[in-house]
Amino acid sequence: MAKKKSAAKPEKATKPAAAPKAKADGAPAIDIGISAGDRAKIAAGLSRFLADSYTLYLKTHNFHWNVTGPMFNALHTMFETQYTEQWQALDEIAERIRALGFNAPGSYGEFAKLTSIQEEPGLTDTADWRQMVEQLVAGNEAVCRTARKVLDEADDAEDAPTEDLLTQRLNIHEKYAWMLRSLLQ
């Protein structure tokens, strides 16, 4: 049985959206459909995520430079692939923070305060290849945990671009953790 089409309802006249009020510097206020409070909460979470991501990038690059032993060639290449991809992602994360209207952290001091990943001391006390891999598994998993927390905040605020960014990063870091963990089995 075919449904009867109902008569089209006349469209209501809608008021054009009010222009966002200008800030003191003359730039228009941000009005992207996410409240200022939610944007601030998400940006703070993304700042922690950026700090974790940067610390993991730095650790991966350090291990690329300093790996030794029977796994040298494989790990040197694997670490380079991972740190190169991670470097590209840092910019996307920082730009999302900026799109939400906040400054992205960008100094070692800021990252050190925000990260959940312990930094590797460097050349004087370099870990062996197995310890490097274990630390990178733990680092990738830490990035995943931070991403999930921010993903929940973005979901609550219906911030689809941040959700998309974090979902992509989760996929990559979970894959890295799996690949690295496989080397230890």
C-alpha atoms as a PDB file:
ATOM      1  CA  MET A   1       0.000   0.000   0.000  1.00  0.00           C
ATOM      2  CA  ALA A   2       1.506   3.313  -1.066  1.00  0.00           C
ATOM      3  CA  LYS A   3       1.717   6.084   1.448  1.00  0.00           C
ATOM      4  CA  LYS A   4      -0.077   9.277   0.676  1.00  0.00           C
ATOM      5  CA  LYS A   5       2.203  12.216   0.280  1.00  0.00           C
ATOM      6  CA  SER A   6       1.323  14.906   2.710  1.00  0.00           C
ATOM      7  CA  ALA A   7       1.009  18.419   1.507  1.00  0.00           C
ATOM      8  CA  ALA A   8       4.234  20.295   1.820  1.00  0.00           C
ATOM      9  CA  LYS A   9       4.289  22.566   4.800  1.00  0.00           C
ATOM     10  CA  PRO A  10       5.195  26.126   4.087  1.00  0.00           C
ATOM     11  CA  GLU A  11       8.704  26.881   5.240  1.00  0.00           C
ATOM     12  CA  LYS A  12       8.983  29.147   8.213  1.00  0.00           C
ATOM     13  CA  ALA A  13      10.931  32.270   7.700  1.00  0.00           C
ATOM     14  CA  THR A  14      14.156  31.880   9.599  1.00  0.00           C
ATOM     15  CA  LYS A  15      16.174  34.666  11.011  1.00  0.00           C
ATOM     16  CA  PRO A  16      19.686  34.817   9.700  1.00  0.00           C
ATOM     17  CA  ALA A  17      22.224  33.759  12.289  1.00  0.00           C
ATOM     18  CA  ALA A  18      23.578  36.659  14.243  1.00  0.00           C
ATOM     19  CA  ALA A  19      27.161  37.469  13.457  1.00  0.00           C
ATOM     20  CA  PRO A  20      29.503  36.447  16.241  1.00  0.00           C
ATOM     21  CA  LYS A  21      30.417  39.342  18.463  1.00  0.00           C
ATOM     22  CA  ALA A  22      33.850  40.758  17.895  1.00  0.00           C
ATOM     23  CA  LYS A  23      36.536  40.187  20.478  1.00  0.00           C
ATOM     24  CA  ALA A  24      38.528  43.069  21.903  1.00  0.00           C
ATOM     25  CA  ASP A  25      41.151  42.669  19.144  1.00  0.00           C
ATOM     26  CA  GLY A  26      38.448  43.138  16.482  1.00  0.00           C
ATOM     27  CA  ALA A  27      38.424  39.510  15.323  1.00  0.00           C
ATOM     28  CA  PRO A  28      35.047  37.793  15.351  1.00  0.00           C
ATOM     29  CA  ALA A  29      34.343  35.477  18.255  1.00  0.00           C
ATOM     30  CA  ILE A  30      34.404  31.753  17.550  1.00  0.00           C
ATOM     31  CA  ASP A  31      30.971  30.322  16.808  1.00  0.00           C
ATOM     32  CA  ILE A  32      31.426  26.791  15.429  1.00  0.00           C
ATOM     33  CA  GLY A  33      28.555  25.165  17.307  1.00  0.00           C
ATOM     34  CA  ILE A  34      30.627  24.037  20.295  1.00  0.00           C
ATOM     35  CA  SER A  35      30.363  26.017  23.507  1.00  0.00           C
ATOM     36  CA  ALA A  36      33.394  27.931  24.745  1.00  0.00           C
ATOM     37  CA  GLY A  37      33.571  25.682  27.809  1.00  0.00           C
ATOM     38  CA  ASP A  38      33.524  22.504  25.724  1.00  0.00           C
ATOM     39  CA  ARG A  39      36.102  23.932  23.317  1.00  0.00           C
ATOM     40  CA  ALA A  40      38.367  24.756  26.274  1.00  0.00           C
ATOM     41  CA  LYS A  41      37.968  21.271  27.753  1.00  0.00           C
ATOM     42  CA  ILE A  42      38.695  19.586  24.416  1.00  0.00           C
ATOM     43  CA  ALA A  43      41.668  21.863  23.701  1.00  0.00           C
ATOM     44  CA  ALA A  44      43.127  21.056  27.135  1.00  0.00           C
ATOM     45  CA  GLY A  45      42.740  17.348  26.419  1.00  0.00           C
ATOM     46  CA  LEU A  46      44.255  17.745  22.968  1.00  0.00           C
ATOM     47  CA  SER A  47      47.172  19.606  24.567  1.00  0.00           C
ATOM     48  CA  ARG A  48      47.834  16.567  26.767  1.00  0.00           C
ATOM     49  CA  PHE A  49      47.468  14.341  23.707  1.00  0.00           C
ATOM     50  CA  LEU A  50      49.900  16.547  21.765  1.00  0.00           C
ATOM     51  CA  ALA A  51      52.401  16.380  24.643  1.00  0.00           C
ATOM     52  CA  ASP A  52      52.149  12.585  24.775  1.00  0.00           C
ATOM     53  CA  SER A  53      52.447  12.379  20.988  1.00  0.00           C
ATOM     54  CA  TYR A  54      55.475  14.684  20.920  1.00  0.00           C
ATOM     55  CA  THR A  55      57.210  12.834  23.749  1.00  0.00           C
ATOM     56  CA  LEU A  56      56.613   9.515  21.981  1.00  0.00           C
ATOM     57  CA  TYR A  57      57.891  11.018  18.711  1.00  0.00           C
ATOM     58  CA  LEU A  58      61.058  12.228  20.455  1.00  0.00           C
ATOM     59  CA  LYS A  59      61.604   8.869  22.174  1.00  0.00           C
ATOM     60  CA  THR A  60      61.083   6.985  18.887  1.00  0.00           C
ATOM     61  CA  HIS A  61      63.541   9.277  17.093  1.00  0.00           C
ATOM     62  CA  ASN A  62      66.079   8.891  19.927  1.00  0.00           C
ATOM     63  CA  PHE A  63      65.818   5.104  19.696  1.00  0.00           C
ATOM     64  CA  HIS A  64      66.208   5.267  15.900  1.00  0.00           C
ATOM     65  CA  TRP A  65      69.518   7.057  16.401  1.00  0.00           C
ATOM     66  CA  ASN A  66      70.775   4.885  19.243  1.00  0.00           C
ATOM     67  CA  VAL A  67      69.540   1.337  18.614  1.00  0.00           C
ATOM     68  CA  THR A  68      72.235  -1.355  18.522  1.00  0.00           C
ATOM     69  CA  GLY A  69      72.393  -5.124  18.480  1.00  0.00           C
ATOM     70  CA  PRO A  70      71.109  -7.943  16.290  1.00  0.00           C
ATOM     71  CA  MET A  71      67.846  -6.120  15.524  1.00  0.00           C
ATOM     72  CA  PHE A  72      69.589  -2.929  14.423  1.00  0.00           C
ATOM     73  CA  ASN A  73      68.565  -2.838  10.766  1.00  0.00           C
ATOM     74  CA  ALA A  74      64.936  -3.841  11.295  1.00  0.00           C
ATOM     75  CA  LEU A  75      64.405  -1.495  14.251  1.00  0.00           C
ATOM     76  CA  HIS A  76      66.322   1.424  12.747  1.00  0.00           C
ATOM     77  CA  THR A  77      64.006   1.260   9.735  1.00  0.00           C
ATOM     78  CA  MET A  78      60.833   0.632  11.768  1.00  0.00           C
ATOM     79  CA  PHE A  79      61.558   3.496  14.162  1.00  0.00           C
ATOM     80  CA  GLU A  80      62.198   5.859  11.240  1.00  0.00           C
ATOM     81  CA  THR A  81      58.883   4.943   9.622  1.00  0.00           C
ATOM     82  CA  GLN A  82      57.065   5.513  12.900  1.00  0.00           C
ATOM     83  CA  TYR A  83      58.707   8.792  13.899  1.00  0.00           C
ATOM     84  CA  THR A  84      58.212  10.220  10.400  1.00  0.00           C
ATOM     85  CA  GLU A  85      54.490   9.462  10.532  1.00  0.00           C
ATOM     86  CA  GLN A  86      54.247  10.774  14.104  1.00  0.00           C
ATOM     87  CA  TRP A  87      55.940  14.044  13.116  1.00  0.00           C
ATOM     88  CA  GLN A  88      53.274  14.699  10.478  1.00  0.00           C
ATOM     89  CA  ALA A  89      50.491  14.023  12.985  1.00  0.00           C
ATOM     90  CA  LEU A  90      51.815  16.570  15.486  1.00  0.00           C
ATOM     91  CA  ASP A  91      50.890  19.400  13.142  1.00  0.00           C
ATOM     92  CA  GLU A  92      47.334  18.108  12.707  1.00  0.00           C
ATOM     93  CA  ILE A  93      46.828  17.900  16.462  1.00  0.00           C
ATOM     94  CA  ALA A  94      48.221  21.398  17.074  1.00  0.00           C
ATOM     95  CA  GLU A  95      46.120  22.846  14.253  1.00  0.00           C
ATOM     96  CA  ARG A  96      42.966  21.307  15.741  1.00  0.00           C
ATOM     97  CA  ILE A  97      43.734  23.028  19.044  1.00  0.00           C
ATOM     98  CA  ARG A  98      44.120  26.310  17.137  1.00  0.00           C
ATOM     99  CA  ALA A  99      40.845  25.735  15.259  1.00  0.00           C
ATOM    100  CA  LEU A 100      39.123  25.432  18.636  1.00  0.00           C
ATOM    101  CA  GLY A 101      40.496  28.870  19.530  1.00  0.00           C
ATOM    102  CA  PHE A 102      43.405  28.043  21.821  1.00  0.00           C
ATOM    103  CA  ASN A 103      47.171  28.138  21.611  1.00  0.00           C
ATOM    104  CA  ALA A 104      48.897  24.798  21.231  1.00  0.00           C
ATOM    105  CA  PRO A 105      51.723  23.971  23.638  1.00  0.00           C
ATOM    106  CA  GLY A 106      55.030  24.090  21.838  1.00  0.00           C
ATOM    107  CA  SER A 107      57.944  23.956  24.246  1.00  0.00           C
ATOM    108  CA  TYR A 108      59.776  21.145  25.977  1.00  0.00           C
ATOM    109  CA  GLY A 109      58.737  22.659  29.305  1.00  0.00           C
ATOM    110  CA  GLU A 110      55.043  22.642  28.399  1.00  0.00           C
ATOM    111  CA  PHE A 111      55.223  19.127  26.996  1.00  0.00           C
ATOM    112  CA  ALA A 112      57.064  17.866  30.105  1.00  0.00           C
ATOM    113  CA  LYS A 113      54.269  19.232  32.337  1.00  0.00           C
ATOM    114  CA  LEU A 114      51.472  17.767  30.189  1.00  0.00           C
ATOM    115  CA  THR A 115      52.771  14.351  29.116  1.00  0.00           C
ATOM    116  CA  SER A 116      52.050  11.020  30.774  1.00  0.00           C
ATOM    117  CA  ILE A 117      55.098   9.406  29.124  1.00  0.00           C
ATOM    118  CA  GLN A 118      58.437   9.314  30.889  1.00  0.00           C
ATOM    119  CA  GLU A 119      61.253  10.716  28.801  1.00  0.00           C
ATOM    120  CA  GLU A 120      64.279   8.555  27.976  1.00  0.00           C
ATOM    121  CA  PRO A 121      67.506   9.989  29.433  1.00  0.00           C
ATOM    122  CA  GLY A 122      69.426   9.836  26.147  1.00  0.00           C
ATOM    123  CA  LEU A 123      72.856   8.827  25.007  1.00  0.00           C
ATOM    124  CA  THR A 124      74.570   8.394  28.367  1.00  0.00           C
ATOM    125  CA  ASP A 125      72.223   5.631  29.457  1.00  0.00           C
ATOM    126  CA  THR A 126      70.756   4.145  26.282  1.00  0.00           C
ATOM    127  CA  ALA A 127      68.439   1.174  26.711  1.00  0.00           C
ATOM    128  CA  ASP A 128      69.058  -2.084  24.840  1.00  0.00           C
ATOM    129  CA  TRP A 129      66.830  -2.850  21.866  1.00  0.00           C
ATOM    130  CA  ARG A 130      64.347  -4.945  23.900  1.00  0.00           C
ATOM    131  CA  GLN A 131      63.943  -2.157  26.471  1.00  0.00           C
ATOM    132  CA  MET A 132      63.477   0.341  23.649  1.00  0.00           C
ATOM    133  CA  VAL A 133      60.709  -1.749  22.132  1.00  0.00           C
ATOM    134  CA  GLU A 134      59.059  -2.240  25.550  1.00  0.00           C
ATOM    135  CA  GLN A 135      59.151   1.520  26.162  1.00  0.00           C
ATOM    136  CA  LEU A 136      57.651   2.247  22.750  1.00  0.00           C
ATOM    137  CA  VAL A 137      54.862  -0.277  23.342  1.00  0.00           C
ATOM    138  CA  ALA A 138      54.112   1.464  26.651  1.00  0.00           C
ATOM    139  CA  GLY A 139      54.356   4.902  25.003  1.00  0.00           C
ATOM    140  CA  ASN A 140      51.975   4.025  22.183  1.00  0.00           C
ATOM    141  CA  GLU A 141      49.523   2.585  24.691  1.00  0.00           C
ATOM    142  CA  ALA A 142      49.776   5.753  26.821  1.00  0.00           C
ATOM    143  CA  VAL A 143      48.957   7.855  23.743  1.00  0.00           C
ATOM    144  CA  CYS A 144      45.931   5.606  23.163  1.00  0.00           C
ATOM    145  CA  ARG A 145      44.680   6.051  26.730  1.00  0.00           C
ATOM    146  CA  THR A 146      44.980   9.833  26.480  1.00  0.00           C
ATOM    147  CA  ALA A 147      43.250   9.818  23.087  1.00  0.00           C
ATOM    148  CA  ARG A 148      40.313   7.827  24.478  1.00  0.00           C
ATOM    149  CA  LYS A 149      39.784  10.322  27.295  1.00  0.00           C
ATOM    150  CA  VAL A 150      39.728  13.247  24.885  1.00  0.00           C
ATOM    151  CA  LEU A 151      37.584  11.278  22.439  1.00  0.00           C
ATOM    152  CA  ASP A 152      34.919  10.943  25.138  1.00  0.00           C
ATOM    153  CA  GLU A 153      35.011  14.717  25.742  1.00  0.00           C
ATOM    154  CA  ALA A 154      34.782  15.413  21.998  1.00  0.00           C
ATOM    155  CA  ASP A 155      31.893  12.976  21.667  1.00  0.00           C
ATOM    156  CA  ASP A 156      30.004  14.665  24.512  1.00  0.00           C
ATOM    157  CA  ALA A 157      30.416  18.017  22.726  1.00  0.00           C
ATOM    158  CA  GLU A 158      29.544  16.564  19.294  1.00  0.00           C
ATOM    159  CA  ASP A 159      32.965  17.646  17.976  1.00  0.00           C
ATOM    160  CA  ALA A 160      33.185  15.362  14.938  1.00  0.00           C
ATOM    161  CA  PRO A 161      36.505  16.714  13.568  1.00  0.00           C
ATOM    162  CA  THR A 162      38.275  16.020  16.860  1.00  0.00           C
ATOM    163  CA  GLU A 163      36.615  12.603  17.094  1.00  0.00           C
ATOM    164  CA  ASP A 164      37.802  11.796  13.566  1.00  0.00           C
ATOM    165  CA  LEU A 165      41.364  12.943  14.289  1.00  0.00           C
ATOM    166  CA  LEU A 166      41.549  10.920  17.499  1.00  0.00           C
ATOM    167  CA  THR A 167      40.001   7.823  15.921  1.00  0.00           C
ATOM    168  CA  GLN A 168      42.633   7.897  13.179  1.00  0.00           C
ATOM    169  CA  ARG A 169      45.437   8.352  15.714  1.00  0.00           C
ATOM    170  CA  LEU A 170      44.089   5.519  17.885  1.00  0.00           C
ATOM    171  CA  ASN A 171      44.135   3.187  14.902  1.00  0.00           C
ATOM    172  CA  ILE A 172      47.762   4.052  14.159  1.00  0.00           C
ATOM    173  CA  HIS A 173      49.047   3.874  17.741  1.00  0.00           C
ATOM    174  CA  GLU A 174      47.224   0.613  18.478  1.00  0.00           C
ATOM    175  CA  LYS A 175      48.822  -0.824  15.332  1.00  0.00           C
ATOM    176  CA  TYR A 176      52.282   0.407  16.370  1.00  0.00           C
ATOM    177  CA  ALA A 177      51.859  -1.110  19.844  1.00  0.00           C
ATOM    178  CA  TRP A 178      50.842  -4.444  18.309  1.00  0.00           C
ATOM    179  CA  MET A 179      53.736  -4.477  15.836  1.00  0.00           C
ATOM    180  CA  LEU A 180      56.290  -3.581  18.484  1.00  0.00           C
ATOM    181  CA  ARG A 181      54.859  -6.052  21.005  1.00  0.00           C
ATOM    182  CA  SER A 182      55.130  -8.791  18.355  1.00  0.00           C
ATOM    183  CA  LEU A 183      58.904  -8.321  18.309  1.00  0.00           C
ATOM    184  CA  LEU A 184      59.052  -9.353  21.961  1.00  0.00           C
ATOM    185  CA  GLN A 185      57.013 -12.549  21.661  1.00  0.00           C
END
